[in-house]
């Protein structure tokens, strides 16, 4: 099982560990593309602060992120699983998984990133600010920039098993599973169900979405679930107590769409 995750917008401080080693990151096929984005981002942030803030979409209160980006080559690095924070990662709570579940997480979780393309949770990276929606002056929109390198690297990473795609829309632009990989891919939407005047209303709520996805991945890892495809994933989630509605693809070469329905967080 390969689980595709978005990063968090907020990140933990880098700390004082050893600096980034680009060639030590997983998916070495992305090395040249990573180096190009890193060079462009560091150069941007070491120059005109106003331009950097505009490109990165930073408010006045986030200007400190510019100086942090300028020092990415020398800043301390920590495992990505400790750098990414926020609602999804709080619910996933990697630090409290048992040893077997942590090993499964290390093998199966892949976090997409505007800067790194994608990293494993054990990859050591510094804290940074660069979303997939950014358009760097020399490289253009990062979602489009990463599409080529990702299309070459990710099919092999996906292997022959289930791909559970939990990415947000911006990060999904960097790689769209196709062909037979798409047919064993499941995307997940989380819906909140409420009864209003005796009628069920379903809505997409960001907080429910992120928290439920994090909790769902944690439960799969803890249970040692190893679904081979979308059908088996639906069965595994139902056994774990989730209300899941699945729509098999109407055409070959497209992903399954799963709705997870929740009534409370």
C-alpha atoms as a PDB file:
ATOM      1  CA  UNK A   1       0.000   0.000   0.000  1.00  0.00           C
ATOM      2  CA  UNK A   2       1.257   3.453  -0.947  1.00  0.00           C
ATOM      3  CA  UNK A   3      -0.429   6.378   0.827  1.00  0.00           C
ATOM      4  CA  UNK A   4      -0.114   9.798  -0.810  1.00  0.00           C
ATOM      5  CA  UNK A   5      -0.368  12.667   1.694  1.00  0.00           C
ATOM      6  CA  UNK A   6      -0.330  16.450   1.407  1.00  0.00           C
ATOM      7  CA  UNK A   7       2.194  18.319   3.540  1.00  0.00           C
ATOM      8  CA  UNK A   8       1.123  20.707   6.270  1.00  0.00           C
ATOM      9  CA  UNK A   9       1.214  24.447   5.698  1.00  0.00           C
ATOM     10  CA  UNK A  10       2.643  24.972   9.178  1.00  0.00           C
ATOM     11  CA  UNK A  11       5.806  23.115  10.083  1.00  0.00           C
ATOM     12  CA  UNK A  12       7.809  22.401  13.204  1.00  0.00           C
ATOM     13  CA  UNK A  13      11.135  24.257  13.651  1.00  0.00           C
ATOM     14  CA  UNK A  14      14.143  22.657  11.998  1.00  0.00           C
ATOM     15  CA  UNK A  15      16.117  22.350  15.212  1.00  0.00           C
ATOM     16  CA  UNK A  16      19.893  22.006  15.397  1.00  0.00           C
ATOM     17  CA  UNK A  17      20.493  18.682  13.681  1.00  0.00           C
ATOM     18  CA  UNK A  18      22.784  18.012  10.732  1.00  0.00           C
ATOM     19  CA  UNK A  19      22.058  20.000   7.592  1.00  0.00           C
ATOM     20  CA  UNK A  20      20.116  18.752   4.597  1.00  0.00           C
ATOM     21  CA  UNK A  21      21.743  16.148   2.342  1.00  0.00           C
ATOM     22  CA  UNK A  22      19.809  16.175  -0.905  1.00  0.00           C
ATOM     23  CA  UNK A  23      21.362  12.979  -2.193  1.00  0.00           C
ATOM     24  CA  UNK A  24      20.246  11.112   0.940  1.00  0.00           C
ATOM     25  CA  UNK A  25      16.527  11.663   0.309  1.00  0.00           C
ATOM     26  CA  UNK A  26      14.269   8.891  -0.951  1.00  0.00           C
ATOM     27  CA  UNK A  27      13.299   8.830  -4.627  1.00  0.00           C
ATOM     28  CA  UNK A  28      16.766   9.827  -5.865  1.00  0.00           C
ATOM     29  CA  UNK A  29      15.307  10.145  -9.377  1.00  0.00           C
ATOM     30  CA  UNK A  30      13.910  13.497  -8.204  1.00  0.00           C
ATOM     31  CA  UNK A  31      17.351  14.761  -7.163  1.00  0.00           C
ATOM     32  CA  UNK A  32      18.025  17.111 -10.079  1.00  0.00           C
ATOM     33  CA  UNK A  33      14.529  18.611  -9.912  1.00  0.00           C
ATOM     34  CA  UNK A  34      14.844  19.088  -6.139  1.00  0.00           C
ATOM     35  CA  UNK A  35      18.189  20.847  -6.532  1.00  0.00           C
ATOM     36  CA  UNK A  36      16.705  23.225  -9.125  1.00  0.00           C
ATOM     37  CA  UNK A  37      13.752  24.175  -6.900  1.00  0.00           C
ATOM     38  CA  UNK A  38      15.990  24.556  -3.853  1.00  0.00           C
ATOM     39  CA  UNK A  39      18.414  26.824  -5.728  1.00  0.00           C
ATOM     40  CA  UNK A  40      15.577  28.962  -7.068  1.00  0.00           C
ATOM     41  CA  UNK A  41      13.830  29.249  -3.688  1.00  0.00           C
ATOM     42  CA  UNK A  42      16.993  30.089  -1.738  1.00  0.00           C
ATOM     43  CA  UNK A  43      18.012  32.681  -4.345  1.00  0.00           C
ATOM     44  CA  UNK A  44      14.564  34.260  -4.284  1.00  0.00           C
ATOM     45  CA  UNK A  45      14.460  34.495  -0.496  1.00  0.00           C
ATOM     46  CA  UNK A  46      18.023  35.767  -0.155  1.00  0.00           C
ATOM     47  CA  UNK A  47      17.176  38.683  -2.448  1.00  0.00           C
ATOM     48  CA  UNK A  48      14.271  41.146  -2.540  1.00  0.00           C
ATOM     49  CA  UNK A  49      12.028  40.449   0.458  1.00  0.00           C
ATOM     50  CA  UNK A  50       8.988  42.105  -1.119  1.00  0.00           C
ATOM     51  CA  UNK A  51       9.285  39.997  -4.248  1.00  0.00           C
ATOM     52  CA  UNK A  52       9.752  36.828  -2.207  1.00  0.00           C
ATOM     53  CA  UNK A  53       6.680  37.603  -0.094  1.00  0.00           C
ATOM     54  CA  UNK A  54       4.618  38.203  -3.234  1.00  0.00           C
ATOM     55  CA  UNK A  55       5.760  34.997  -4.953  1.00  0.00           C
ATOM     56  CA  UNK A  56       5.228  32.858  -1.852  1.00  0.00           C
ATOM     57  CA  UNK A  57       1.931  34.535  -0.928  1.00  0.00           C
ATOM     58  CA  UNK A  58       3.092  35.508   2.556  1.00  0.00           C
ATOM     59  CA  UNK A  59       1.315  37.966   4.817  1.00  0.00           C
ATOM     60  CA  UNK A  60       3.233  40.479   6.903  1.00  0.00           C
ATOM     61  CA  UNK A  61       3.075  38.165   9.877  1.00  0.00           C
ATOM     62  CA  UNK A  62       4.790  35.381   7.934  1.00  0.00           C
ATOM     63  CA  UNK A  63       7.767  37.377   6.645  1.00  0.00           C
ATOM     64  CA  UNK A  64      10.051  35.353   8.909  1.00  0.00           C
ATOM     65  CA  UNK A  65       9.530  32.408   6.553  1.00  0.00           C
ATOM     66  CA  UNK A  66      11.586  34.240   3.941  1.00  0.00           C
ATOM     67  CA  UNK A  67      14.724  34.309   6.075  1.00  0.00           C
ATOM     68  CA  UNK A  68      14.140  30.662   6.988  1.00  0.00           C
ATOM     69  CA  UNK A  69      14.007  29.695   3.309  1.00  0.00           C
ATOM     70  CA  UNK A  70      17.195  31.634   2.589  1.00  0.00           C
ATOM     71  CA  UNK A  71      19.067  29.376   5.024  1.00  0.00           C
ATOM     72  CA  UNK A  72      17.702  26.015   3.854  1.00  0.00           C
ATOM     73  CA  UNK A  73      21.094  24.646   2.842  1.00  0.00           C
ATOM     74  CA  UNK A  74      22.583  25.111   6.318  1.00  0.00           C
ATOM     75  CA  UNK A  75      19.521  24.770   8.573  1.00  0.00           C
ATOM     76  CA  UNK A  76      19.164  21.702  10.767  1.00  0.00           C
ATOM     77  CA  UNK A  77      17.166  18.823   9.334  1.00  0.00           C
ATOM     78  CA  UNK A  78      14.757  16.404  11.019  1.00  0.00           C
ATOM     79  CA  UNK A  79      12.659  13.465   9.779  1.00  0.00           C
ATOM     80  CA  UNK A  80       9.797  14.735   7.652  1.00  0.00           C
ATOM     81  CA  UNK A  81       7.367  12.991   9.987  1.00  0.00           C
ATOM     82  CA  UNK A  82       8.480  15.420  12.707  1.00  0.00           C
ATOM     83  CA  UNK A  83       8.530  18.501  10.458  1.00  0.00           C
ATOM     84  CA  UNK A  84       4.951  18.259   9.182  1.00  0.00           C
ATOM     85  CA  UNK A  85       2.295  19.319  11.698  1.00  0.00           C
ATOM     86  CA  UNK A  86      -1.354  20.353  11.538  1.00  0.00           C
ATOM     87  CA  UNK A  87      -4.723  18.644  11.805  1.00  0.00           C
ATOM     88  CA  UNK A  88      -4.005  15.596   9.626  1.00  0.00           C
ATOM     89  CA  UNK A  89      -0.622  14.929  11.233  1.00  0.00           C
ATOM     90  CA  UNK A  90      -1.964  15.515  14.742  1.00  0.00           C
ATOM     91  CA  UNK A  91      -4.595  12.834  14.101  1.00  0.00           C
ATOM     92  CA  UNK A  92      -2.025  10.505  12.538  1.00  0.00           C
ATOM     93  CA  UNK A  93       0.265  11.048  15.565  1.00  0.00           C
ATOM     94  CA  UNK A  94       3.249   9.168  14.185  1.00  0.00           C
ATOM     95  CA  UNK A  95       5.257   9.496  17.399  1.00  0.00           C
ATOM     96  CA  UNK A  96       2.843   7.291  19.360  1.00  0.00           C
ATOM     97  CA  UNK A  97       2.555   4.443  16.843  1.00  0.00           C
ATOM     98  CA  UNK A  98       3.942   1.121  17.992  1.00  0.00           C
ATOM     99  CA  UNK A  99       7.146  -0.105  16.370  1.00  0.00           C
ATOM    100  CA  UNK A 100       5.410  -2.325  13.809  1.00  0.00           C
ATOM    101  CA  UNK A 101       3.080   0.474  12.722  1.00  0.00           C
ATOM    102  CA  UNK A 102       6.019   2.891  12.472  1.00  0.00           C
ATOM    103  CA  UNK A 103       7.783   0.490  10.122  1.00  0.00           C
ATOM    104  CA  UNK A 104       4.652   0.276   7.995  1.00  0.00           C
ATOM    105  CA  UNK A 105       4.416   4.075   7.966  1.00  0.00           C
ATOM    106  CA  UNK A 106       8.036   4.387   6.834  1.00  0.00           C
ATOM    107  CA  UNK A 107       7.346   2.030   3.924  1.00  0.00           C
ATOM    108  CA  UNK A 108       3.958   3.275   2.826  1.00  0.00           C
ATOM    109  CA  UNK A 109       3.612   7.033   3.478  1.00  0.00           C
ATOM    110  CA  UNK A 110       4.714   9.499   0.817  1.00  0.00           C
ATOM    111  CA  UNK A 111       4.311  13.239   1.487  1.00  0.00           C
ATOM    112  CA  UNK A 112       4.056  15.535  -1.523  1.00  0.00           C
ATOM    113  CA  UNK A 113       5.869  18.872  -1.408  1.00  0.00           C
ATOM    114  CA  UNK A 114       6.323  21.936  -3.572  1.00  0.00           C
ATOM    115  CA  UNK A 115      10.024  21.970  -2.663  1.00  0.00           C
ATOM    116  CA  UNK A 116      10.979  18.287  -2.510  1.00  0.00           C
ATOM    117  CA  UNK A 117       8.460  16.764  -4.909  1.00  0.00           C
ATOM    118  CA  UNK A 118       7.745  13.921  -2.500  1.00  0.00           C
ATOM    119  CA  UNK A 119       9.504  12.530   0.573  1.00  0.00           C
ATOM    120  CA  UNK A 120       9.219   9.579   2.921  1.00  0.00           C
ATOM    121  CA  UNK A 121       8.500  10.361   6.555  1.00  0.00           C
ATOM    122  CA  UNK A 122      12.010   9.279   7.534  1.00  0.00           C
ATOM    123  CA  UNK A 123      13.717  11.640   5.101  1.00  0.00           C
ATOM    124  CA  UNK A 124      15.566  14.400   6.944  1.00  0.00           C
ATOM    125  CA  UNK A 125      14.523  17.857   5.754  1.00  0.00           C
ATOM    126  CA  UNK A 126      14.605  21.379   7.199  1.00  0.00           C
ATOM    127  CA  UNK A 127      11.472  23.398   7.909  1.00  0.00           C
ATOM    128  CA  UNK A 128      10.488  25.442   4.828  1.00  0.00           C
ATOM    129  CA  UNK A 129       7.717  27.436   3.185  1.00  0.00           C
ATOM    130  CA  UNK A 130       6.884  26.643  -0.430  1.00  0.00           C
ATOM    131  CA  UNK A 131       3.489  25.312  -1.449  1.00  0.00           C
ATOM    132  CA  UNK A 132       2.727  23.448  -4.658  1.00  0.00           C
ATOM    133  CA  UNK A 133       0.698  26.442  -5.825  1.00  0.00           C
ATOM    134  CA  UNK A 134       3.755  28.726  -5.929  1.00  0.00           C
ATOM    135  CA  UNK A 135       5.081  30.022  -9.270  1.00  0.00           C
ATOM    136  CA  UNK A 136       8.838  30.471  -8.965  1.00  0.00           C
ATOM    137  CA  UNK A 137      10.266  33.073 -11.382  1.00  0.00           C
ATOM    138  CA  UNK A 138      12.662  30.689 -13.114  1.00  0.00           C
ATOM    139  CA  UNK A 139      10.627  27.479 -12.997  1.00  0.00           C
ATOM    140  CA  UNK A 140       6.983  28.485 -13.215  1.00  0.00           C
ATOM    141  CA  UNK A 141       4.086  26.778 -11.431  1.00  0.00           C
ATOM    142  CA  UNK A 142       5.457  23.995  -9.252  1.00  0.00           C
ATOM    143  CA  UNK A 143       2.526  21.665  -9.839  1.00  0.00           C
ATOM    144  CA  UNK A 144       3.314  21.666 -13.557  1.00  0.00           C
ATOM    145  CA  UNK A 145       7.078  21.633 -12.947  1.00  0.00           C
ATOM    146  CA  UNK A 146       6.923  18.424 -10.924  1.00  0.00           C
ATOM    147  CA  UNK A 147       4.651  16.608 -13.346  1.00  0.00           C
ATOM    148  CA  UNK A 148       7.441  15.334 -15.580  1.00  0.00           C
ATOM    149  CA  UNK A 149       9.820  14.067 -12.877  1.00  0.00           C
ATOM    150  CA  UNK A 150       6.940  12.534 -10.934  1.00  0.00           C
ATOM    151  CA  UNK A 151       5.503  10.715 -13.936  1.00  0.00           C
ATOM    152  CA  UNK A 152       8.870   9.004 -14.373  1.00  0.00           C
ATOM    153  CA  UNK A 153       9.490   8.137 -10.710  1.00  0.00           C
ATOM    154  CA  UNK A 154       6.104   7.414  -9.151  1.00  0.00           C
ATOM    155  CA  UNK A 155       4.805   4.404 -11.141  1.00  0.00           C
ATOM    156  CA  UNK A 156       7.729   2.321  -9.868  1.00  0.00           C
ATOM    157  CA  UNK A 157       7.200   3.589  -6.313  1.00  0.00           C
ATOM    158  CA  UNK A 158       3.517   2.608  -6.544  1.00  0.00           C
ATOM    159  CA  UNK A 159       4.567  -0.965  -7.233  1.00  0.00           C
ATOM    160  CA  UNK A 160       1.712  -3.404  -7.798  1.00  0.00           C
ATOM    161  CA  UNK A 161      -0.472  -2.650  -4.779  1.00  0.00           C
ATOM    162  CA  UNK A 162      -3.096  -0.181  -3.629  1.00  0.00           C
ATOM    163  CA  UNK A 163      -2.478   3.557  -3.987  1.00  0.00           C
ATOM    164  CA  UNK A 164      -4.484   5.500  -1.384  1.00  0.00           C
ATOM    165  CA  UNK A 165      -4.577   9.104  -2.553  1.00  0.00           C
ATOM    166  CA  UNK A 166      -5.362  11.548   0.265  1.00  0.00           C
ATOM    167  CA  UNK A 167      -3.787  14.629  -1.310  1.00  0.00           C
ATOM    168  CA  UNK A 168      -5.472  18.000  -1.594  1.00  0.00           C
ATOM    169  CA  UNK A 169      -6.203  19.339  -5.085  1.00  0.00           C
ATOM    170  CA  UNK A 170      -3.061  21.479  -5.375  1.00  0.00           C
ATOM    171  CA  UNK A 171      -0.753  18.539  -4.649  1.00  0.00           C
ATOM    172  CA  UNK A 172      -2.691  16.175  -6.892  1.00  0.00           C
ATOM    173  CA  UNK A 173      -1.624  18.327  -9.863  1.00  0.00           C
ATOM    174  CA  UNK A 174       1.966  17.059  -9.508  1.00  0.00           C
ATOM    175  CA  UNK A 175       1.079  13.456 -10.359  1.00  0.00           C
ATOM    176  CA  UNK A 176      -2.089  11.807 -11.588  1.00  0.00           C
ATOM    177  CA  UNK A 177      -2.006   8.008 -11.594  1.00  0.00           C
ATOM    178  CA  UNK A 178      -2.871   6.652 -15.019  1.00  0.00           C
ATOM    179  CA  UNK A 179      -3.454   3.330 -16.715  1.00  0.00           C
ATOM    180  CA  UNK A 180      -3.421   0.259 -14.507  1.00  0.00           C
ATOM    181  CA  UNK A 181      -1.989   2.268 -11.582  1.00  0.00           C
ATOM    182  CA  UNK A 182      -5.119   4.438 -11.630  1.00  0.00           C
ATOM    183  CA  UNK A 183      -7.316   1.334 -11.524  1.00  0.00           C
ATOM    184  CA  UNK A 184      -5.821   0.358  -8.159  1.00  0.00           C
ATOM    185  CA  UNK A 185      -5.937   3.918  -6.836  1.00  0.00           C
ATOM    186  CA  UNK A 186      -8.593   5.141  -4.404  1.00  0.00           C
ATOM    187  CA  UNK A 187      -9.277   8.801  -3.701  1.00  0.00           C
ATOM    188  CA  UNK A 188     -11.124   9.704  -0.512  1.00  0.00           C
ATOM    189  CA  UNK A 189     -13.612  12.437   0.245  1.00  0.00           C
ATOM    190  CA  UNK A 190     -14.816  12.989   3.817  1.00  0.00           C
ATOM    191  CA  UNK A 191     -18.421  14.132   4.248  1.00  0.00           C
ATOM    192  CA  UNK A 192     -20.065  15.322   7.432  1.00  0.00           C
ATOM    193  CA  UNK A 193     -23.628  14.092   7.818  1.00  0.00           C
ATOM    194  CA  UNK A 194     -26.185  16.173   9.736  1.00  0.00           C
ATOM    195  CA  UNK A 195     -29.929  15.840  10.137  1.00  0.00           C
ATOM    196  CA  UNK A 196     -31.592  19.190   9.398  1.00  0.00           C
ATOM    197  CA  UNK A 197     -35.379  19.372   9.782  1.00  0.00           C
ATOM    198  CA  UNK A 198     -35.536  15.610   9.477  1.00  0.00           C
ATOM    199  CA  UNK A 199     -33.490  15.493   6.281  1.00  0.00           C
ATOM    200  CA  UNK A 200     -29.870  14.329   6.010  1.00  0.00           C
ATOM    201  CA  UNK A 201     -27.476  16.994   4.741  1.00  0.00           C
ATOM    202  CA  UNK A 202     -23.918  16.150   3.749  1.00  0.00           C
ATOM    203  CA  UNK A 203     -21.170  18.721   3.494  1.00  0.00           C
ATOM    204  CA  UNK A 204     -17.411  18.788   2.994  1.00  0.00           C
ATOM    205  CA  UNK A 205     -15.740  20.369   6.011  1.00  0.00           C
ATOM    206  CA  UNK A 206     -11.989  20.948   5.933  1.00  0.00           C
ATOM    207  CA  UNK A 207     -11.290  20.136   9.586  1.00  0.00           C
ATOM    208  CA  UNK A 208     -13.315  16.902   9.467  1.00  0.00           C
ATOM    209  CA  UNK A 209     -11.618  15.994   6.207  1.00  0.00           C
ATOM    210  CA  UNK A 210      -8.055  16.370   7.486  1.00  0.00           C
ATOM    211  CA  UNK A 211      -8.633  14.841  10.908  1.00  0.00           C
ATOM    212  CA  UNK A 212     -10.554  11.871   9.539  1.00  0.00           C
ATOM    213  CA  UNK A 213      -7.898  11.134   6.918  1.00  0.00           C
ATOM    214  CA  UNK A 214      -5.178  11.232   9.557  1.00  0.00           C
ATOM    215  CA  UNK A 215      -7.124   8.970  11.899  1.00  0.00           C
ATOM    216  CA  UNK A 216      -7.978   6.602   9.051  1.00  0.00           C
ATOM    217  CA  UNK A 217      -4.323   6.168   8.046  1.00  0.00           C
ATOM    218  CA  UNK A 218      -3.362   5.637  11.677  1.00  0.00           C
ATOM    219  CA  UNK A 219      -6.014   2.948  12.087  1.00  0.00           C
ATOM    220  CA  UNK A 220      -4.896   1.141   8.929  1.00  0.00           C
ATOM    221  CA  UNK A 221      -1.255   1.214  10.057  1.00  0.00           C
ATOM    222  CA  UNK A 222      -2.081   0.084  13.594  1.00  0.00           C
ATOM    223  CA  UNK A 223      -4.292  -2.748  12.375  1.00  0.00           C
ATOM    224  CA  UNK A 224      -1.614  -3.948   9.980  1.00  0.00           C
ATOM    225  CA  UNK A 225      -4.152  -3.777   7.151  1.00  0.00           C
ATOM    226  CA  UNK A 226      -2.700  -4.607   3.748  1.00  0.00           C
ATOM    227  CA  UNK A 227      -5.478  -4.081   1.192  1.00  0.00           C
ATOM    228  CA  UNK A 228      -4.338  -5.099  -2.284  1.00  0.00           C
ATOM    229  CA  UNK A 229      -6.789  -2.836  -4.076  1.00  0.00           C
ATOM    230  CA  UNK A 230      -9.718  -0.428  -3.618  1.00  0.00           C
ATOM    231  CA  UNK A 231     -12.276  -3.182  -2.975  1.00  0.00           C
ATOM    232  CA  UNK A 232     -10.162  -4.606  -0.182  1.00  0.00           C
ATOM    233  CA  UNK A 233      -9.617  -1.091   1.190  1.00  0.00           C
ATOM    234  CA  UNK A 234     -13.373  -0.566   1.488  1.00  0.00           C
ATOM    235  CA  UNK A 235     -13.675  -3.848   3.384  1.00  0.00           C
ATOM    236  CA  UNK A 236     -10.760  -2.978   5.683  1.00  0.00           C
ATOM    237  CA  UNK A 237     -12.158   0.464   6.511  1.00  0.00           C
ATOM    238  CA  UNK A 238     -15.615  -0.930   7.241  1.00  0.00           C
ATOM    239  CA  UNK A 239     -14.062  -3.510   9.565  1.00  0.00           C
ATOM    240  CA  UNK A 240     -12.368  -0.603  11.353  1.00  0.00           C
ATOM    241  CA  UNK A 241     -15.746   1.060  11.886  1.00  0.00           C
ATOM    242  CA  UNK A 242     -15.808   3.620   9.060  1.00  0.00           C
ATOM    243  CA  UNK A 243     -18.936   4.336   7.055  1.00  0.00           C
ATOM    244  CA  UNK A 244     -17.680   4.066   3.481  1.00  0.00           C
ATOM    245  CA  UNK A 245     -19.512   4.474   0.201  1.00  0.00           C
ATOM    246  CA  UNK A 246     -17.564   3.427  -2.871  1.00  0.00           C
ATOM    247  CA  UNK A 247     -18.007   4.161  -6.539  1.00  0.00           C
ATOM    248  CA  UNK A 248     -16.151   1.857  -8.893  1.00  0.00           C
ATOM    249  CA  UNK A 249     -14.742   3.672 -11.923  1.00  0.00           C
ATOM    250  CA  UNK A 250     -16.966   3.802 -14.974  1.00  0.00           C
ATOM    251  CA  UNK A 251     -13.998   3.605 -17.346  1.00  0.00           C
ATOM    252  CA  UNK A 252     -10.696   1.762 -17.455  1.00  0.00           C
ATOM    253  CA  UNK A 253      -7.693   3.783 -16.348  1.00  0.00           C
ATOM    254  CA  UNK A 254      -9.520   5.846 -13.725  1.00  0.00           C
ATOM    255  CA  UNK A 255      -9.403   5.792  -9.938  1.00  0.00           C
ATOM    256  CA  UNK A 256     -12.014   4.652  -7.457  1.00  0.00           C
ATOM    257  CA  UNK A 257     -13.841   7.372  -5.494  1.00  0.00           C
ATOM    258  CA  UNK A 258     -14.571   6.657  -1.831  1.00  0.00           C
ATOM    259  CA  UNK A 259     -16.774   8.727   0.462  1.00  0.00           C
ATOM    260  CA  UNK A 260     -16.173   8.387   4.195  1.00  0.00           C
ATOM    261  CA  UNK A 261     -19.224   9.698   6.052  1.00  0.00           C
ATOM    262  CA  UNK A 262     -18.797  11.055   9.586  1.00  0.00           C
ATOM    263  CA  UNK A 263     -21.202  12.603  12.046  1.00  0.00           C
ATOM    264  CA  UNK A 264     -18.661  13.890  14.543  1.00  0.00           C
ATOM    265  CA  UNK A 265     -14.902  14.380  14.760  1.00  0.00           C
END
